């Protein structure tokens, strides 16, 4: 007697793994929710974590790396936005920006933004 094995599509496997990982389910919880054998689901999740998933799917490590890059880009964009706000406020209110205040508050951001050296006496004076 031969035993028939169930075949699952790549899409189903990817969705099952995604469900377990995104909802932070244990293998047994995920298997019971999806009506799958624990061993089968466990193999799929292990393969996905090791980067052996389907060719069109991304590994957990790749996704975590992308999240890290996006967070860094977001922080940099927020910093640039804040610099622009502060610079515009300083210029509009007529605030003096001298070499002394550049040394106290850091001039690298303003120097990069304006293209001129903030350490020169009289820079940004009105």
C-alpha atoms as a PDB file:
ATOM      1  CA  UNK A   1       0.000   0.000   0.000  1.00  0.00           C
ATOM      2  CA  UNK A   2       1.331   3.370  -0.913  1.00  0.00           C
ATOM      3  CA  UNK A   3       0.641   6.378   1.209  1.00  0.00           C
ATOM      4  CA  UNK A   4      -0.563   9.531  -0.543  1.00  0.00           C
ATOM      5  CA  UNK A   5       1.122  12.733   0.501  1.00  0.00           C
ATOM      6  CA  UNK A   6      -0.516  16.105   0.382  1.00  0.00           C
ATOM      7  CA  UNK A   7       1.009  18.626  -2.037  1.00  0.00           C
ATOM      8  CA  UNK A   8       0.854  22.328  -1.238  1.00  0.00           C
ATOM      9  CA  UNK A   9       1.386  25.215  -3.638  1.00  0.00           C
ATOM     10  CA  UNK A  10       4.256  27.665  -3.149  1.00  0.00           C
ATOM     11  CA  UNK A  11       1.740  30.431  -2.500  1.00  0.00           C
ATOM     12  CA  UNK A  12       0.050  28.420   0.251  1.00  0.00           C
ATOM     13  CA  UNK A  13       3.381  27.613   1.890  1.00  0.00           C
ATOM     14  CA  UNK A  14       4.483  31.258   1.770  1.00  0.00           C
ATOM     15  CA  UNK A  15       1.161  32.426   3.223  1.00  0.00           C
ATOM     16  CA  UNK A  16       1.313  29.828   6.006  1.00  0.00           C
ATOM     17  CA  UNK A  17       4.854  30.870   6.959  1.00  0.00           C
ATOM     18  CA  UNK A  18       3.899  34.562   6.781  1.00  0.00           C
ATOM     19  CA  UNK A  19       0.913  33.919   9.069  1.00  0.00           C
ATOM     20  CA  UNK A  20       3.076  32.176  11.667  1.00  0.00           C
ATOM     21  CA  UNK A  21       5.866  34.772  11.588  1.00  0.00           C
ATOM     22  CA  UNK A  22       3.743  37.932  11.450  1.00  0.00           C
ATOM     23  CA  UNK A  23       1.414  36.796  14.240  1.00  0.00           C
ATOM     24  CA  UNK A  24       4.318  35.362  16.248  1.00  0.00           C
ATOM     25  CA  UNK A  25       2.548  32.033  16.598  1.00  0.00           C
ATOM     26  CA  UNK A  26       4.175  28.846  17.765  1.00  0.00           C
ATOM     27  CA  UNK A  27       4.406  26.062  15.217  1.00  0.00           C
ATOM     28  CA  UNK A  28       1.707  24.076  17.029  1.00  0.00           C
ATOM     29  CA  UNK A  29      -0.667  27.076  17.149  1.00  0.00           C
ATOM     30  CA  UNK A  30      -0.113  27.839  13.485  1.00  0.00           C
ATOM     31  CA  UNK A  31      -0.536  24.207  12.500  1.00  0.00           C
ATOM     32  CA  UNK A  32      -3.830  23.894  14.353  1.00  0.00           C
ATOM     33  CA  UNK A  33      -5.160  27.162  12.875  1.00  0.00           C
ATOM     34  CA  UNK A  34      -4.194  26.124   9.346  1.00  0.00           C
ATOM     35  CA  UNK A  35      -5.076  22.429   9.779  1.00  0.00           C
ATOM     36  CA  UNK A  36      -1.565  21.315   8.881  1.00  0.00           C
ATOM     37  CA  UNK A  37       0.760  18.753  10.420  1.00  0.00           C
ATOM     38  CA  UNK A  38       3.162  20.431  12.855  1.00  0.00           C
ATOM     39  CA  UNK A  39       6.180  18.824  11.232  1.00  0.00           C
ATOM     40  CA  UNK A  40       5.269  20.134   7.792  1.00  0.00           C
ATOM     41  CA  UNK A  41       4.707  23.699   8.972  1.00  0.00           C
ATOM     42  CA  UNK A  42       7.828  23.537  11.123  1.00  0.00           C
ATOM     43  CA  UNK A  43       9.932  22.567   8.112  1.00  0.00           C
ATOM     44  CA  UNK A  44       8.520  25.456   6.072  1.00  0.00           C
ATOM     45  CA  UNK A  45       9.169  28.001   8.837  1.00  0.00           C
ATOM     46  CA  UNK A  46      12.699  26.689   9.433  1.00  0.00           C
ATOM     47  CA  UNK A  47      13.457  26.850   5.715  1.00  0.00           C
ATOM     48  CA  UNK A  48      12.115  30.411   5.523  1.00  0.00           C
ATOM     49  CA  UNK A  49      14.220  31.523   8.488  1.00  0.00           C
ATOM     50  CA  UNK A  50      17.336  30.001   6.930  1.00  0.00           C
ATOM     51  CA  UNK A  51      16.633  31.675   3.607  1.00  0.00           C
ATOM     52  CA  UNK A  52      15.578  28.527   1.786  1.00  0.00           C
ATOM     53  CA  UNK A  53      12.094  29.756   0.939  1.00  0.00           C
ATOM     54  CA  UNK A  54      10.604  30.042  -2.486  1.00  0.00           C
ATOM     55  CA  UNK A  55      12.673  32.024  -5.015  1.00  0.00           C
ATOM     56  CA  UNK A  56      10.213  34.908  -5.112  1.00  0.00           C
ATOM     57  CA  UNK A  57       9.921  35.208  -1.324  1.00  0.00           C
ATOM     58  CA  UNK A  58      12.298  37.175   0.866  1.00  0.00           C
ATOM     59  CA  UNK A  59      13.912  35.792   3.974  1.00  0.00           C
ATOM     60  CA  UNK A  60      13.375  37.116   7.463  1.00  0.00           C
ATOM     61  CA  UNK A  61      16.977  38.370   7.514  1.00  0.00           C
ATOM     62  CA  UNK A  62      16.436  40.300   4.269  1.00  0.00           C
ATOM     63  CA  UNK A  63      13.259  41.867   5.610  1.00  0.00           C
ATOM     64  CA  UNK A  64      14.941  42.819   8.901  1.00  0.00           C
ATOM     65  CA  UNK A  65      17.824  44.358   6.964  1.00  0.00           C
ATOM     66  CA  UNK A  66      15.390  46.393   4.872  1.00  0.00           C
ATOM     67  CA  UNK A  67      13.579  47.572   8.009  1.00  0.00           C
ATOM     68  CA  UNK A  68      16.891  48.718   9.495  1.00  0.00           C
ATOM     69  CA  UNK A  69      17.797  50.639   6.321  1.00  0.00           C
ATOM     70  CA  UNK A  70      14.365  52.267   6.183  1.00  0.00           C
ATOM     71  CA  UNK A  71      14.567  53.320   9.841  1.00  0.00           C
ATOM     72  CA  UNK A  72      17.974  54.923   9.232  1.00  0.00           C
ATOM     73  CA  UNK A  73      16.629  56.763   6.178  1.00  0.00           C
ATOM     74  CA  UNK A  74      13.606  57.943   8.166  1.00  0.00           C
ATOM     75  CA  UNK A  75      15.791  59.257  10.995  1.00  0.00           C
ATOM     76  CA  UNK A  76      17.998  61.096   8.496  1.00  0.00           C
ATOM     77  CA  UNK A  77      14.958  62.634   6.788  1.00  0.00           C
ATOM     78  CA  UNK A  78      13.592  63.764  10.160  1.00  0.00           C
ATOM     79  CA  UNK A  79      16.950  65.313  11.054  1.00  0.00           C
ATOM     80  CA  UNK A  80      17.100  67.182   7.739  1.00  0.00           C
ATOM     81  CA  UNK A  81      13.519  68.375   8.203  1.00  0.00           C
ATOM     82  CA  UNK A  82      14.311  69.663  11.691  1.00  0.00           C
ATOM     83  CA  UNK A  83      17.440  71.446  10.438  1.00  0.00           C
ATOM     84  CA  UNK A  84      15.442  73.154   7.706  1.00  0.00           C
ATOM     85  CA  UNK A  85      12.787  74.229  10.196  1.00  0.00           C
ATOM     86  CA  UNK A  86      15.360  75.640  12.613  1.00  0.00           C
ATOM     87  CA  UNK A  87      17.310  77.397   9.878  1.00  0.00           C
ATOM     88  CA  UNK A  88      14.190  78.962   8.403  1.00  0.00           C
ATOM     89  CA  UNK A  89      13.045  80.067  11.849  1.00  0.00           C
ATOM     90  CA  UNK A  90      16.453  81.599  12.590  1.00  0.00           C
ATOM     91  CA  UNK A  91      16.565  83.480   9.295  1.00  0.00           C
ATOM     92  CA  UNK A  92      12.976  84.681   9.527  1.00  0.00           C
ATOM     93  CA  UNK A  93      13.298  85.914  13.105  1.00  0.00           C
ATOM     94  CA  UNK A  94      16.579  87.712  12.378  1.00  0.00           C
ATOM     95  CA  UNK A  95      18.537  85.635  14.844  1.00  0.00           C
ATOM     96  CA  UNK A  96      22.297  86.155  14.695  1.00  0.00           C
ATOM     97  CA  UNK A  97      24.374  83.111  13.944  1.00  0.00           C
ATOM     98  CA  UNK A  98      27.998  83.746  14.767  1.00  0.00           C
ATOM     99  CA  UNK A  99      31.106  81.637  15.141  1.00  0.00           C
ATOM    100  CA  UNK A 100      30.451  81.347  18.866  1.00  0.00           C
ATOM    101  CA  UNK A 101      26.974  79.940  18.469  1.00  0.00           C
ATOM    102  CA  UNK A 102      28.239  77.623  15.737  1.00  0.00           C
ATOM    103  CA  UNK A 103      30.742  76.200  18.194  1.00  0.00           C
ATOM    104  CA  UNK A 104      28.081  75.781  20.877  1.00  0.00           C
ATOM    105  CA  UNK A 105      25.385  74.232  18.691  1.00  0.00           C
ATOM    106  CA  UNK A 106      27.383  72.474  16.001  1.00  0.00           C
ATOM    107  CA  UNK A 107      27.814  73.854  12.536  1.00  0.00           C
ATOM    108  CA  UNK A 108      28.153  70.789  10.358  1.00  0.00           C
ATOM    109  CA  UNK A 109      24.443  70.616   9.538  1.00  0.00           C
ATOM    110  CA  UNK A 110      24.125  74.313   8.737  1.00  0.00           C
ATOM    111  CA  UNK A 111      27.380  74.278   6.796  1.00  0.00           C
ATOM    112  CA  UNK A 112      26.121  71.394   4.701  1.00  0.00           C
ATOM    113  CA  UNK A 113      22.737  73.059   4.244  1.00  0.00           C
ATOM    114  CA  UNK A 114      24.005  76.502   3.223  1.00  0.00           C
ATOM    115  CA  UNK A 115      27.271  75.573   1.554  1.00  0.00           C
ATOM    116  CA  UNK A 116      29.270  78.154   3.497  1.00  0.00           C
ATOM    117  CA  UNK A 117      31.472  77.911   6.535  1.00  0.00           C
ATOM    118  CA  UNK A 118      29.643  78.759   9.723  1.00  0.00           C
ATOM    119  CA  UNK A 119      32.924  79.304  11.554  1.00  0.00           C
ATOM    120  CA  UNK A 120      33.705  82.523   9.701  1.00  0.00           C
ATOM    121  CA  UNK A 121      33.095  85.575  11.913  1.00  0.00           C
ATOM    122  CA  UNK A 122      29.996  87.417  10.838  1.00  0.00           C
ATOM    123  CA  UNK A 123      28.391  84.510   9.071  1.00  0.00           C
ATOM    124  CA  UNK A 124      24.624  84.693   9.357  1.00  0.00           C
ATOM    125  CA  UNK A 125      24.713  88.147  10.981  1.00  0.00           C
ATOM    126  CA  UNK A 126      22.009  90.608  10.149  1.00  0.00           C
END
